[in-house]
Every structure is written in structure tokens, then in C-alpha cells.
Amino acid sequence: MKKYFFLYFLLISNASFSQINLSKGLVAYYPFNGDANDASGNGNHGIAYNVTPATDNFGKPNSAFSFNGTNSYIRVPNSPSLNPTSQISICAW
């Protein structure tokens, strides 16, 4: 039994220390630090229209935006880096 527990622990600890580069292939990252600027370094900055800075889900002020539901939005101008030719992943909260 101890052998199996040790093997399980070894496998789990090895998996938890593996490193993944989340910036590889990143084309846009919007942390909403009071603006809609792209923090990825690719310059895909957004332009916010009729939005209000808001507190995020962790309680940090000016780290989210509130939309009025009628005419507020964030526009990101077209860019070659935003036109993928293969598979993509999108994450939004």
C-alpha cells in the first residue's frame, strides 16, 4: 500500500511542477487596469465606449467594466495578429 501511495504522490507532484508558457502564441491580453489596453505587447488596444470602470470579482477597483446594456462596448481595431489561420482558444470571465 505504501508503494502505491508513494508512486501516486510522485506522479502528482511531477505533474504539478510542470511549466507551461501561457504567453506563447498570445495575441491579446486585457487585464482591464482602468483601460482597455492590450498587455500582451502586441498593441491590440481596445477603445471603450460608454463603459464605466467597476470593481472586479476579487474586489479590486477599476479592474473591470460595467456595460449599460444598450450602447456600451469595447472596440478592438482589426490587426493581422487577430486574424488566426489555425485553431484558437479564448478565455473570458
C-alpha atoms as a PDB file:
ATOM      1  CA  MET A   1       0.000   0.000   0.000  1.00  0.00           C
ATOM      2  CA  LYS A   2       2.836   2.392   0.872  1.00  0.00           C
ATOM      3  CA  LYS A   3       4.455   1.707  -2.522  1.00  0.00           C
ATOM      4  CA  TYR A   4       1.293   2.710  -4.364  1.00  0.00           C
ATOM      5  CA  PHE A   5       0.838   5.857  -2.300  1.00  0.00           C
ATOM      6  CA  PHE A   6       4.450   6.894  -2.952  1.00  0.00           C
ATOM      7  CA  LEU A   7       4.086   6.259  -6.695  1.00  0.00           C
ATOM      8  CA  TYR A   8       0.813   8.228  -6.781  1.00  0.00           C
ATOM      9  CA  PHE A   9       2.413  11.108  -4.842  1.00  0.00           C
ATOM     10  CA  LEU A  10       5.420  11.100  -7.174  1.00  0.00           C
ATOM     11  CA  LEU A  11       3.228  11.260 -10.276  1.00  0.00           C
ATOM     12  CA  ILE A  12       1.016  14.021  -8.887  1.00  0.00           C
ATOM     13  CA  SER A  13       3.932  16.142  -7.647  1.00  0.00           C
ATOM     14  CA  ASN A  14       5.703  15.795 -11.002  1.00  0.00           C
ATOM     15  CA  ALA A  15       2.582  16.957 -12.867  1.00  0.00           C
ATOM     16  CA  SER A  16       2.049  19.933 -10.561  1.00  0.00           C
ATOM     17  CA  PHE A  17       5.560  21.266 -11.169  1.00  0.00           C
ATOM     18  CA  SER A  18       5.472  21.090 -14.957  1.00  0.00           C
ATOM     19  CA  GLN A  19       5.759  24.502 -16.575  1.00  0.00           C
ATOM     20  CA  ILE A  20       3.561  25.884 -19.324  1.00  0.00           C
ATOM     21  CA  ASN A  21       4.372  29.107 -21.143  1.00  0.00           C
ATOM     22  CA  LEU A  22       0.998  30.873 -21.294  1.00  0.00           C
ATOM     23  CA  SER A  23       2.472  33.737 -23.330  1.00  0.00           C
ATOM     24  CA  LYS A  24       3.460  31.524 -26.269  1.00  0.00           C
ATOM     25  CA  GLY A  25       1.158  32.469 -29.125  1.00  0.00           C
ATOM     26  CA  LEU A  26      -0.679  35.085 -27.048  1.00  0.00           C
ATOM     27  CA  VAL A  27      -2.094  37.788 -29.333  1.00  0.00           C
ATOM     28  CA  ALA A  28      -4.088  39.840 -26.827  1.00  0.00           C
ATOM     29  CA  TYR A  29      -4.476  40.146 -23.060  1.00  0.00           C
ATOM     30  CA  TYR A  30      -6.855  42.641 -21.499  1.00  0.00           C
ATOM     31  CA  PRO A  31      -6.421  42.872 -17.714  1.00  0.00           C
ATOM     32  CA  PHE A  32      -8.681  45.978 -17.592  1.00  0.00           C
ATOM     33  CA  ASN A  33      -6.392  48.003 -15.352  1.00  0.00           C
ATOM     34  CA  GLY A  34      -8.552  51.096 -15.735  1.00  0.00           C
ATOM     35  CA  ASP A  35      -8.439  50.931 -19.537  1.00  0.00           C
ATOM     36  CA  ALA A  36      -8.915  48.510 -22.435  1.00  0.00           C
ATOM     37  CA  ASN A  37      -5.248  48.344 -23.419  1.00  0.00           C
ATOM     38  CA  ASP A  38      -3.665  45.115 -24.614  1.00  0.00           C
ATOM     39  CA  ALA A  39      -0.993  43.986 -22.134  1.00  0.00           C
ATOM     40  CA  SER A  40       0.380  41.239 -24.418  1.00  0.00           C
ATOM     41  CA  GLY A  41       2.799  43.630 -26.109  1.00  0.00           C
ATOM     42  CA  ASN A  42       1.095  43.218 -29.497  1.00  0.00           C
ATOM     43  CA  GLY A  43      -0.613  46.625 -29.452  1.00  0.00           C
ATOM     44  CA  ASN A  44      -4.169  45.328 -29.922  1.00  0.00           C
ATOM     45  CA  HIS A  45      -5.594  48.057 -27.702  1.00  0.00           C
ATOM     46  CA  GLY A  46      -9.325  48.387 -27.307  1.00  0.00           C
ATOM     47  CA  ILE A  47     -11.337  51.593 -27.351  1.00  0.00           C
ATOM     48  CA  ALA A  48     -14.030  51.715 -24.677  1.00  0.00           C
ATOM     49  CA  TYR A  49     -17.359  53.399 -25.487  1.00  0.00           C
ATOM     50  CA  ASN A  50     -19.890  54.301 -22.766  1.00  0.00           C
ATOM     51  CA  VAL A  51     -18.437  51.881 -20.211  1.00  0.00           C
ATOM     52  CA  THR A  52     -17.926  52.536 -16.527  1.00  0.00           C
ATOM     53  CA  PRO A  53     -14.878  51.272 -14.600  1.00  0.00           C
ATOM     54  CA  ALA A  54     -16.022  48.786 -11.965  1.00  0.00           C
ATOM     55  CA  THR A  55     -14.766  46.559  -9.177  1.00  0.00           C
ATOM     56  CA  ASP A  56     -13.767  43.062 -10.330  1.00  0.00           C
ATOM     57  CA  ASN A  57     -14.902  39.764  -8.782  1.00  0.00           C
ATOM     58  CA  PHE A  58     -11.923  39.850  -6.378  1.00  0.00           C
ATOM     59  CA  GLY A  59     -12.870  43.291  -5.023  1.00  0.00           C
ATOM     60  CA  LYS A  60     -10.147  45.213  -6.885  1.00  0.00           C
ATOM     61  CA  PRO A  61     -11.473  48.610  -8.032  1.00  0.00           C
ATOM     62  CA  ASN A  62     -11.108  49.765 -11.667  1.00  0.00           C
ATOM     63  CA  SER A  63     -10.270  46.213 -12.812  1.00  0.00           C
ATOM     64  CA  ALA A  64     -13.470  45.516 -14.732  1.00  0.00           C
ATOM     65  CA  PHE A  65     -16.005  47.384 -16.834  1.00  0.00           C
ATOM     66  CA  SER A  66     -19.739  47.808 -16.434  1.00  0.00           C
ATOM     67  CA  PHE A  67     -21.783  47.902 -19.649  1.00  0.00           C
ATOM     68  CA  ASN A  68     -25.138  49.701 -19.778  1.00  0.00           C
ATOM     69  CA  GLY A  69     -26.765  47.045 -21.976  1.00  0.00           C
ATOM     70  CA  THR A  70     -27.702  49.368 -24.829  1.00  0.00           C
ATOM     71  CA  ASN A  71     -24.796  51.277 -26.357  1.00  0.00           C
ATOM     72  CA  SER A  72     -21.643  50.432 -24.427  1.00  0.00           C
ATOM     73  CA  TYR A  73     -18.922  48.271 -25.910  1.00  0.00           C
ATOM     74  CA  ILE A  74     -15.176  47.877 -26.389  1.00  0.00           C
ATOM     75  CA  ARG A  75     -13.937  48.023 -29.973  1.00  0.00           C
ATOM     76  CA  VAL A  76     -10.619  46.456 -30.942  1.00  0.00           C
ATOM     77  CA  PRO A  77      -9.374  47.631 -34.361  1.00  0.00           C
ATOM     78  CA  ASN A  78      -8.549  44.954 -36.918  1.00  0.00           C
ATOM     79  CA  SER A  79      -4.984  43.687 -36.858  1.00  0.00           C
ATOM     80  CA  PRO A  80      -3.181  40.855 -38.694  1.00  0.00           C
ATOM     81  CA  SER A  81      -2.406  39.231 -35.331  1.00  0.00           C
ATOM     82  CA  LEU A  82      -6.151  39.000 -34.626  1.00  0.00           C
ATOM     83  CA  ASN A  83      -6.834  37.000 -37.799  1.00  0.00           C
ATOM     84  CA  PRO A  84      -5.705  33.461 -36.893  1.00  0.00           C
ATOM     85  CA  THR A  85      -5.273  30.857 -39.577  1.00  0.00           C
ATOM     86  CA  SER A  86      -5.395  27.859 -37.230  1.00  0.00           C
ATOM     87  CA  GLN A  87      -7.055  26.786 -34.001  1.00  0.00           C
ATOM     88  CA  ILE A  88      -7.528  29.350 -31.202  1.00  0.00           C
ATOM     89  CA  SER A  89      -8.548  29.407 -27.554  1.00  0.00           C
ATOM     90  CA  ILE A  90     -10.467  32.228 -25.925  1.00  0.00           C
ATOM     91  CA  CYS A  91     -10.921  32.764 -22.204  1.00  0.00           C
ATOM     92  CA  ALA A  92     -13.284  35.356 -20.769  1.00  0.00           C
ATOM     93  CA  TRP A  93     -14.697  35.824 -17.289  1.00  0.00           C
END
